[in-house]
Amino acid sequence: MIDMSFEFIFISILIVLLSFLLLYRVFKGPNIIDRVVAADSIDVMIGLVMVLFGCYEGRSLYIDLGLIITLLGFIGTVLISRYLEGKI
């Protein structure tokens, strides 16, 4: 059986580093839409890291939490978008 621990750790660190690059877009975005999309992308990446960590540890709790964080980030993005359109 192949030990996948190095791959999980490498991919998780890569995703976290890419999330830090997206933080630049959140703080220095040219407009509010770019900032909202970058924040939503960070939410999805954090959820993905939690799912990967849950697979690495073999515990479904982290997978559930990762999915909940991703879903809440999506709901927040929809609410911000509706607010910007003036429908709320």
PDB file of N, CA and C in Angstrom:
ATOM      1  N   MET A   1       0.840  -1.184   0.000  1.00  0.00           N
ATOM      2  CA  MET A   1       0.000   0.000   0.000  1.00  0.00           C
ATOM      3  C   MET A   1       0.885   1.248   0.000  1.00  0.00           C
ATOM      4  N   ILE A   2       0.509   2.221  -0.789  1.00  0.00           N
ATOM      5  CA  ILE A   2       1.291   3.449  -0.924  1.00  0.00           C
ATOM      6  C   ILE A   2       0.922   4.428   0.182  1.00  0.00           C
ATOM      7  N   ASP A   3       1.938   5.010   0.811  1.00  0.00           N
ATOM      8  CA  ASP A   3       1.693   6.027   1.833  1.00  0.00           C
ATOM      9  C   ASP A   3       1.469   7.372   1.151  1.00  0.00           C
ATOM     10  N   MET A   4       0.286   7.948   1.325  1.00  0.00           N
ATOM     11  CA  MET A   4      -0.088   9.182   0.643  1.00  0.00           C
ATOM     12  C   MET A   4       0.101  10.409   1.525  1.00  0.00           C
ATOM     13  N   SER A   5       0.795  10.264   2.639  1.00  0.00           N
ATOM     14  CA  SER A   5       0.884  11.385   3.566  1.00  0.00           C
ATOM     15  C   SER A   5       1.651  12.561   2.963  1.00  0.00           C
ATOM     16  N   PHE A   6       2.713  12.304   2.211  1.00  0.00           N
ATOM     17  CA  PHE A   6       3.469  13.389   1.610  1.00  0.00           C
ATOM     18  C   PHE A   6       2.625  14.159   0.601  1.00  0.00           C
ATOM     19  N   GLU A   7       1.849  13.436  -0.191  1.00  0.00           N
ATOM     20  CA  GLU A   7       1.016  14.095  -1.194  1.00  0.00           C
ATOM     21  C   GLU A   7      -0.054  14.961  -0.555  1.00  0.00           C
ATOM     22  N   PHE A   8      -0.708  14.451   0.485  1.00  0.00           N
ATOM     23  CA  PHE A   8      -1.739  15.226   1.170  1.00  0.00           C
ATOM     24  C   PHE A   8      -1.151  16.487   1.791  1.00  0.00           C
ATOM     25  N   ILE A   9      -0.018  16.343   2.433  1.00  0.00           N
ATOM     26  CA  ILE A   9       0.606  17.497   3.082  1.00  0.00           C
ATOM     27  C   ILE A   9       1.070  18.511   2.043  1.00  0.00           C
ATOM     28  N   PHE A  10       1.669  18.042   0.949  1.00  0.00           N
ATOM     29  CA  PHE A  10       2.146  18.943  -0.099  1.00  0.00           C
ATOM     30  C   PHE A  10       0.992  19.716  -0.741  1.00  0.00           C
ATOM     31  N   ILE A  11      -0.087  19.026  -1.080  1.00  0.00           N
ATOM     32  CA  ILE A  11      -1.236  19.684  -1.706  1.00  0.00           C
ATOM     33  C   ILE A  11      -1.889  20.658  -0.739  1.00  0.00           C
ATOM     34  N   SER A  12      -1.987  20.297   0.530  1.00  0.00           N
ATOM     35  CA  SER A  12      -2.588  21.195   1.525  1.00  0.00           C
ATOM     36  C   SER A  12      -1.760  22.463   1.692  1.00  0.00           C
ATOM     37  N   ILE A  13      -0.454  22.321   1.755  1.00  0.00           N
ATOM     38  CA  ILE A  13       0.413  23.497   1.883  1.00  0.00           C
ATOM     39  C   ILE A  13       0.322  24.365   0.631  1.00  0.00           C
ATOM     40  N   LEU A  14       0.255  23.744  -0.538  1.00  0.00           N
ATOM     41  CA  LEU A  14       0.118  24.496  -1.783  1.00  0.00           C
ATOM     42  C   LEU A  14      -1.192  25.281  -1.819  1.00  0.00           C
ATOM     43  N   ILE A  15      -2.277  24.679  -1.378  1.00  0.00           N
ATOM     44  CA  ILE A  15      -3.572  25.361  -1.364  1.00  0.00           C
ATOM     45  C   ILE A  15      -3.560  26.516  -0.367  1.00  0.00           C
ATOM     46  N   VAL A  16      -2.936  26.325   0.776  1.00  0.00           N
ATOM     47  CA  VAL A  16      -2.846  27.414   1.760  1.00  0.00           C
ATOM     48  C   VAL A  16      -2.019  28.569   1.204  1.00  0.00           C
ATOM     49  N   LEU A  17      -0.923  28.264   0.523  1.00  0.00           N
ATOM     50  CA  LEU A  17      -0.117  29.330  -0.077  1.00  0.00           C
ATOM     51  C   LEU A  17      -0.890  30.079  -1.155  1.00  0.00           C
ATOM     52  N   LEU A  18      -1.666  29.376  -1.938  1.00  0.00           N
ATOM     53  CA  LEU A  18      -2.495  30.038  -2.945  1.00  0.00           C
ATOM     54  C   LEU A  18      -3.578  30.892  -2.298  1.00  0.00           C
ATOM     55  N   SER A  19      -4.053  30.473  -1.143  1.00  0.00           N
ATOM     56  CA  SER A  19      -5.028  31.289  -0.414  1.00  0.00           C
ATOM     57  C   SER A  19      -4.408  32.596   0.052  1.00  0.00           C
ATOM     58  N   PHE A  20      -3.149  32.538   0.455  1.00  0.00           N
ATOM     59  CA  PHE A  20      -2.480  33.776   0.848  1.00  0.00           C
ATOM     60  C   PHE A  20      -2.304  34.717  -0.342  1.00  0.00           C
ATOM     61  N   LEU A  21      -2.091  34.149  -1.537  1.00  0.00           N
ATOM     62  CA  LEU A  21      -2.026  34.996  -2.725  1.00  0.00           C
ATOM     63  C   LEU A  21      -3.370  35.651  -3.016  1.00  0.00           C
ATOM     64  N   LEU A  22      -4.452  34.953  -2.730  1.00  0.00           N
ATOM     65  CA  LEU A  22      -5.780  35.538  -2.928  1.00  0.00           C
ATOM     66  C   LEU A  22      -6.069  36.648  -1.922  1.00  0.00           C
ATOM     67  N   LEU A  23      -5.406  36.611  -0.785  1.00  0.00           N
ATOM     68  CA  LEU A  23      -5.595  37.692   0.190  1.00  0.00           C
ATOM     69  C   LEU A  23      -5.186  39.047  -0.385  1.00  0.00           C
ATOM     70  N   TYR A  24      -4.208  39.040  -1.267  1.00  0.00           N
ATOM     71  CA  TYR A  24      -3.822  40.288  -1.936  1.00  0.00           C
ATOM     72  C   TYR A  24      -5.003  40.853  -2.718  1.00  0.00           C
ATOM     73  N   ARG A  25      -5.732  39.972  -3.415  1.00  0.00           N
ATOM     74  CA  ARG A  25      -6.885  40.426  -4.191  1.00  0.00           C
ATOM     75  C   ARG A  25      -8.012  40.901  -3.275  1.00  0.00           C
ATOM     76  N   VAL A  26      -8.133  40.302  -2.104  1.00  0.00           N
ATOM     77  CA  VAL A  26      -9.174  40.739  -1.168  1.00  0.00           C
ATOM     78  C   VAL A  26      -8.890  42.152  -0.675  1.00  0.00           C
ATOM     79  N   PHE A  27      -7.635  42.453  -0.366  1.00  0.00           N
ATOM     80  CA  PHE A  27      -7.311  43.762   0.192  1.00  0.00           C
ATOM     81  C   PHE A  27      -7.048  44.820  -0.873  1.00  0.00           C
ATOM     82  N   LYS A  28      -6.519  44.454  -2.032  1.00  0.00           N
ATOM     83  CA  LYS A  28      -6.141  45.424  -3.053  1.00  0.00           C
ATOM     84  C   LYS A  28      -6.951  45.287  -4.342  1.00  0.00           C
ATOM     85  N   GLY A  29      -8.102  44.616  -4.269  1.00  0.00           N
ATOM     86  CA  GLY A  29      -8.898  44.412  -5.478  1.00  0.00           C
ATOM     87  C   GLY A  29      -9.334  45.716  -6.110  1.00  0.00           C
ATOM     88  N   PRO A  30      -9.406  45.757  -7.441  1.00  0.00           N
ATOM     89  CA  PRO A  30      -9.794  47.001  -8.096  1.00  0.00           C
ATOM     90  C   PRO A  30     -11.255  47.387  -7.821  1.00  0.00           C
ATOM     91  N   ASN A  31     -12.112  46.401  -7.585  1.00  0.00           N
ATOM     92  CA  ASN A  31     -13.502  46.715  -7.238  1.00  0.00           C
ATOM     93  C   ASN A  31     -14.036  45.672  -6.262  1.00  0.00           C
ATOM     94  N   ILE A  32     -15.252  45.890  -5.816  1.00  0.00           N
ATOM     95  CA  ILE A  32     -15.830  45.045  -4.764  1.00  0.00           C
ATOM     96  C   ILE A  32     -16.125  43.632  -5.270  1.00  0.00           C
ATOM     97  N   ILE A  33     -16.444  43.495  -6.550  1.00  0.00           N
ATOM     98  CA  ILE A  33     -16.753  42.176  -7.091  1.00  0.00           C
ATOM     99  C   ILE A  33     -15.518  41.271  -7.047  1.00  0.00           C
ATOM    100  N   ASP A  34     -14.358  41.813  -7.390  1.00  0.00           N
ATOM    101  CA  ASP A  34     -13.126  41.031  -7.314  1.00  0.00           C
ATOM    102  C   ASP A  34     -12.836  40.605  -5.880  1.00  0.00           C
ATOM    103  N   ARG A  35     -13.114  41.468  -4.945  1.00  0.00           N
ATOM    104  CA  ARG A  35     -12.877  41.137  -3.539  1.00  0.00           C
ATOM    105  C   ARG A  35     -13.810  40.028  -3.061  1.00  0.00           C
ATOM    106  N   VAL A  36     -15.069  40.083  -3.481  1.00  0.00           N
ATOM    107  CA  VAL A  36     -16.036  39.060  -3.076  1.00  0.00           C
ATOM    108  C   VAL A  36     -15.668  37.709  -3.684  1.00  0.00           C
ATOM    109  N   VAL A  37     -15.283  37.697  -4.946  1.00  0.00           N
ATOM    110  CA  VAL A  37     -14.903  36.442  -5.596  1.00  0.00           C
ATOM    111  C   VAL A  37     -13.645  35.861  -4.955  1.00  0.00           C
ATOM    112  N   ALA A  38     -12.686  36.698  -4.618  1.00  0.00           N
ATOM    113  CA  ALA A  38     -11.469  36.218  -3.966  1.00  0.00           C
ATOM    114  C   ALA A  38     -11.782  35.644  -2.583  1.00  0.00           C
ATOM    115  N   ALA A  39     -12.657  36.310  -1.839  1.00  0.00           N
ATOM    116  CA  ALA A  39     -13.032  35.796  -0.516  1.00  0.00           C
ATOM    117  C   ALA A  39     -13.763  34.466  -0.637  1.00  0.00           C
ATOM    118  N   ASP A  40     -14.620  34.330  -1.645  1.00  0.00           N
ATOM    119  CA  ASP A  40     -15.309  33.063  -1.850  1.00  0.00           C
ATOM    120  C   ASP A  40     -14.328  31.972  -2.247  1.00  0.00           C
ATOM    121  N   SER A  41     -13.336  32.305  -3.044  1.00  0.00           N
ATOM    122  CA  SER A  41     -12.326  31.319  -3.425  1.00  0.00           C
ATOM    123  C   SER A  41     -11.522  30.854  -2.216  1.00  0.00           C
ATOM    124  N   ILE A  42     -11.230  31.777  -1.316  1.00  0.00           N
ATOM    125  CA  ILE A  42     -10.516  31.400  -0.094  1.00  0.00           C
ATOM    126  C   ILE A  42     -11.374  30.463   0.748  1.00  0.00           C
ATOM    127  N   ASP A  43     -12.669  30.733   0.841  1.00  0.00           N
ATOM    128  CA  ASP A  43     -13.563  29.840   1.585  1.00  0.00           C
ATOM    129  C   ASP A  43     -13.555  28.431   0.998  1.00  0.00           C
ATOM    130  N   VAL A  44     -13.600  28.341  -0.312  1.00  0.00           N
ATOM    131  CA  VAL A  44     -13.603  27.032  -0.960  1.00  0.00           C
ATOM    132  C   VAL A  44     -12.274  26.316  -0.718  1.00  0.00           C
ATOM    133  N   MET A  45     -11.176  27.056  -0.783  1.00  0.00           N
ATOM    134  CA  MET A  45      -9.867  26.431  -0.560  1.00  0.00           C
ATOM    135  C   MET A  45      -9.703  25.953   0.879  1.00  0.00           C
ATOM    136  N   ILE A  46     -10.203  26.720   1.838  1.00  0.00           N
ATOM    137  CA  ILE A  46     -10.131  26.287   3.234  1.00  0.00           C
ATOM    138  C   ILE A  46     -10.973  25.037   3.444  1.00  0.00           C
ATOM    139  N   GLY A  47     -12.140  25.002   2.831  1.00  0.00           N
ATOM    140  CA  GLY A  47     -12.970  23.795   2.908  1.00  0.00           C
ATOM    141  C   GLY A  47     -12.276  22.599   2.285  1.00  0.00           C
ATOM    142  N   LEU A  48     -11.583  22.820   1.179  1.00  0.00           N
ATOM    143  CA  LEU A  48     -10.849  21.741   0.522  1.00  0.00           C
ATOM    144  C   LEU A  48      -9.713  21.233   1.391  1.00  0.00           C
ATOM    145  N   VAL A  49      -9.004  22.126   2.050  1.00  0.00           N
ATOM    146  CA  VAL A  49      -7.926  21.702   2.951  1.00  0.00           C
ATOM    147  C   VAL A  49      -8.499  20.887   4.105  1.00  0.00           C
ATOM    148  N   MET A  50      -9.646  21.290   4.610  1.00  0.00           N
ATOM    149  CA  MET A  50     -10.253  20.519   5.706  1.00  0.00           C
ATOM    150  C   MET A  50     -10.692  19.140   5.226  1.00  0.00           C
ATOM    151  N   VAL A  51     -11.216  19.046   4.017  1.00  0.00           N
ATOM    152  CA  VAL A  51     -11.595  17.743   3.472  1.00  0.00           C
ATOM    153  C   VAL A  51     -10.356  16.872   3.273  1.00  0.00           C
ATOM    154  N   LEU A  52      -9.291  17.457   2.758  1.00  0.00           N
ATOM    155  CA  LEU A  52      -8.044  16.692   2.599  1.00  0.00           C
ATOM    156  C   LEU A  52      -7.492  16.226   3.940  1.00  0.00           C
ATOM    157  N   PHE A  53      -7.566  17.100   4.940  1.00  0.00           N
ATOM    158  CA  PHE A  53      -7.087  16.708   6.265  1.00  0.00           C
ATOM    159  C   PHE A  53      -7.955  15.596   6.842  1.00  0.00           C
ATOM    160  N   GLY A  54      -9.265  15.665   6.602  1.00  0.00           N
ATOM    161  CA  GLY A  54     -10.148  14.592   7.059  1.00  0.00           C
ATOM    162  C   GLY A  54      -9.835  13.270   6.384  1.00  0.00           C
ATOM    163  N   CYS A  55      -9.497  13.303   5.100  1.00  0.00           N
ATOM    164  CA  CYS A  55      -9.106  12.073   4.408  1.00  0.00           C
ATOM    165  C   CYS A  55      -7.779  11.555   4.941  1.00  0.00           C
ATOM    166  N   TYR A  56      -6.862  12.463   5.221  1.00  0.00           N
ATOM    167  CA  TYR A  56      -5.549  12.069   5.744  1.00  0.00           C
ATOM    168  C   TYR A  56      -5.673  11.443   7.122  1.00  0.00           C
ATOM    169  N   GLU A  57      -6.482  12.033   7.978  1.00  0.00           N
ATOM    170  CA  GLU A  57      -6.645  11.517   9.341  1.00  0.00           C
ATOM    171  C   GLU A  57      -7.641  10.363   9.413  1.00  0.00           C
ATOM    172  N   GLY A  58      -8.493  10.223   8.411  1.00  0.00           N
ATOM    173  CA  GLY A  58      -9.489   9.154   8.420  1.00  0.00           C
ATOM    174  C   GLY A  58     -10.686   9.466   9.302  1.00  0.00           C
ATOM    175  N   ARG A  59     -10.974  10.756   9.500  1.00  0.00           N
ATOM    176  CA  ARG A  59     -12.105  11.155  10.336  1.00  0.00           C
ATOM    177  C   ARG A  59     -13.081  11.966   9.500  1.00  0.00           C
ATOM    178  N   SER A  60     -14.334  11.612   9.600  1.00  0.00           N
ATOM    179  CA  SER A  60     -15.344  12.288   8.791  1.00  0.00           C
ATOM    180  C   SER A  60     -15.756  13.640   9.375  1.00  0.00           C
ATOM    181  N   LEU A  61     -15.382  13.932  10.597  1.00  0.00           N
ATOM    182  CA  LEU A  61     -15.740  15.210  11.213  1.00  0.00           C
ATOM    183  C   LEU A  61     -15.155  16.377  10.426  1.00  0.00           C
ATOM    184  N   TYR A  62     -13.899  16.260  10.003  1.00  0.00           N
ATOM    185  CA  TYR A  62     -13.254  17.334   9.253  1.00  0.00           C
ATOM    186  C   TYR A  62     -13.879  17.491   7.863  1.00  0.00           C
ATOM    187  N   ILE A  63     -14.308  16.390   7.286  1.00  0.00           N
ATOM    188  CA  ILE A  63     -14.959  16.459   5.982  1.00  0.00           C
ATOM    189  C   ILE A  63     -16.278  17.209   6.092  1.00  0.00           C
ATOM    190  N   ASP A  64     -17.049  16.901   7.138  1.00  0.00           N
ATOM    191  CA  ASP A  64     -18.312  17.606   7.350  1.00  0.00           C
ATOM    192  C   ASP A  64     -18.091  19.092   7.615  1.00  0.00           C
ATOM    193  N   LEU A  65     -17.105  19.413   8.428  1.00  0.00           N
ATOM    194  CA  LEU A  65     -16.812  20.820   8.715  1.00  0.00           C
ATOM    195  C   LEU A  65     -16.333  21.566   7.476  1.00  0.00           C
ATOM    196  N   GLY A  66     -15.540  20.914   6.646  1.00  0.00           N
ATOM    197  CA  GLY A  66     -15.099  21.535   5.407  1.00  0.00           C
ATOM    198  C   GLY A  66     -16.254  21.829   4.472  1.00  0.00           C
ATOM    199  N   LEU A  67     -17.193  20.904   4.387  1.00  0.00           N
ATOM    200  CA  LEU A  67     -18.366  21.137   3.543  1.00  0.00           C
ATOM    201  C   LEU A  67     -19.250  22.241   4.104  1.00  0.00           C
ATOM    202  N   ILE A  68     -19.379  22.313   5.423  1.00  0.00           N
ATOM    203  CA  ILE A  68     -20.182  23.373   6.039  1.00  0.00           C
ATOM    204  C   ILE A  68     -19.545  24.739   5.818  1.00  0.00           C
ATOM    205  N   ILE A  69     -18.230  24.833   5.963  1.00  0.00           N
ATOM    206  CA  ILE A  69     -17.535  26.109   5.736  1.00  0.00           C
ATOM    207  C   ILE A  69     -17.709  26.554   4.285  1.00  0.00           C
ATOM    208  N   THR A  70     -17.595  25.623   3.356  1.00  0.00           N
ATOM    209  CA  THR A  70     -17.764  25.962   1.945  1.00  0.00           C
ATOM    210  C   THR A  70     -19.191  26.416   1.661  1.00  0.00           C
ATOM    211  N   LEU A  71     -20.170  25.743   2.241  1.00  0.00           N
ATOM    212  CA  LEU A  71     -21.566  26.130   2.034  1.00  0.00           C
ATOM    213  C   LEU A  71     -21.862  27.498   2.636  1.00  0.00           C
ATOM    214  N   LEU A  72     -21.355  27.770   3.829  1.00  0.00           N
ATOM    215  CA  LEU A  72     -21.571  29.086   4.441  1.00  0.00           C
ATOM    216  C   LEU A  72     -20.883  30.194   3.645  1.00  0.00           C
ATOM    217  N   GLY A  73     -19.717  29.908   3.091  1.00  0.00           N
ATOM    218  CA  GLY A  73     -19.048  30.889   2.240  1.00  0.00           C
ATOM    219  C   GLY A  73     -19.854  31.193   0.992  1.00  0.00           C
ATOM    220  N   PHE A  74     -20.462  30.166   0.396  1.00  0.00           N
ATOM    221  CA  PHE A  74     -21.296  30.376  -0.781  1.00  0.00           C
ATOM    222  C   PHE A  74     -22.530  31.204  -0.438  1.00  0.00           C
ATOM    223  N   ILE A  75     -23.160  30.904   0.687  1.00  0.00           N
ATOM    224  CA  ILE A  75     -24.341  31.673   1.103  1.00  0.00           C
ATOM    225  C   ILE A  75     -23.956  33.124   1.356  1.00  0.00           C
ATOM    226  N   GLY A  76     -22.810  33.351   1.974  1.00  0.00           N
ATOM    227  CA  GLY A  76     -22.346  34.716   2.202  1.00  0.00           C
ATOM    228  C   GLY A  76     -22.098  35.455   0.899  1.00  0.00           C
ATOM    229  N   THR A  77     -21.540  34.760  -0.084  1.00  0.00           N
ATOM    230  CA  THR A  77     -21.293  35.386  -1.383  1.00  0.00           C
ATOM    231  C   THR A  77     -22.603  35.752  -2.074  1.00  0.00           C
ATOM    232  N   VAL A  78     -23.581  34.879  -1.988  1.00  0.00           N
ATOM    233  CA  VAL A  78     -24.886  35.177  -2.592  1.00  0.00           C
ATOM    234  C   VAL A  78     -25.532  36.371  -1.896  1.00  0.00           C
ATOM    235  N   LEU A  79     -25.453  36.430  -0.577  1.00  0.00           N
ATOM    236  CA  LEU A  79     -26.046  37.549   0.150  1.00  0.00           C
ATOM    237  C   LEU A  79     -25.351  38.868  -0.178  1.00  0.00           C
ATOM    238  N   ILE A  80     -24.035  38.849  -0.267  1.00  0.00           N
ATOM    239  CA  ILE A  80     -23.304  40.075  -0.610  1.00  0.00           C
ATOM    240  C   ILE A  80     -23.648  40.511  -2.027  1.00  0.00           C
ATOM    241  N   SER A  81     -23.764  39.554  -2.946  1.00  0.00           N
ATOM    242  CA  SER A  81     -24.109  39.884  -4.331  1.00  0.00           C
ATOM    243  C   SER A  81     -25.504  40.486  -4.428  1.00  0.00           C
ATOM    244  N   ARG A  82     -26.440  39.931  -3.686  1.00  0.00           N
ATOM    245  CA  ARG A  82     -27.804  40.490  -3.707  1.00  0.00           C
ATOM    246  C   ARG A  82     -27.830  41.873  -3.075  1.00  0.00           C
ATOM    247  N   TYR A  83     -27.021  42.078  -2.051  1.00  0.00           N
ATOM    248  CA  TYR A  83     -26.946  43.413  -1.435  1.00  0.00           C
ATOM    249  C   TYR A  83     -26.378  44.433  -2.413  1.00  0.00           C
ATOM    250  N   LEU A  84     -25.353  44.038  -3.144  1.00  0.00           N
ATOM    251  CA  LEU A  84     -24.747  44.958  -4.111  1.00  0.00           C
ATOM    252  C   LEU A  84     -25.687  45.282  -5.267  1.00  0.00           C
ATOM    253  N   GLU A  85     -26.571  44.332  -5.611  1.00  0.00           N
ATOM    254  CA  GLU A  85     -27.556  44.596  -6.649  1.00  0.00           C
ATOM    255  C   GLU A  85     -28.686  45.480  -6.159  1.00  0.00           C
ATOM    256  N   GLY A  86     -28.839  45.598  -4.858  1.00  0.00           N
ATOM    257  CA  GLY A  86     -29.891  46.423  -4.277  1.00  0.00           C
ATOM    258  C   GLY A  86     -31.186  45.672  -4.044  1.00  0.00           C
ATOM    259  N   LYS A  87     -31.142  44.347  -4.005  1.00  0.00           N
ATOM    260  CA  LYS A  87     -32.345  43.561  -3.800  1.00  0.00           C
ATOM    261  C   LYS A  87     -32.597  43.196  -2.350  1.00  0.00           C
ATOM    262  N   ILE A  88     -31.692  43.593  -1.465  1.00  0.00           N
ATOM    263  CA  ILE A  88     -31.902  43.318  -0.042  1.00  0.00           C
ATOM    264  C   ILE A  88     -32.121  44.641   0.673  1.00  0.00           C
TER     265      ILE A  88
END
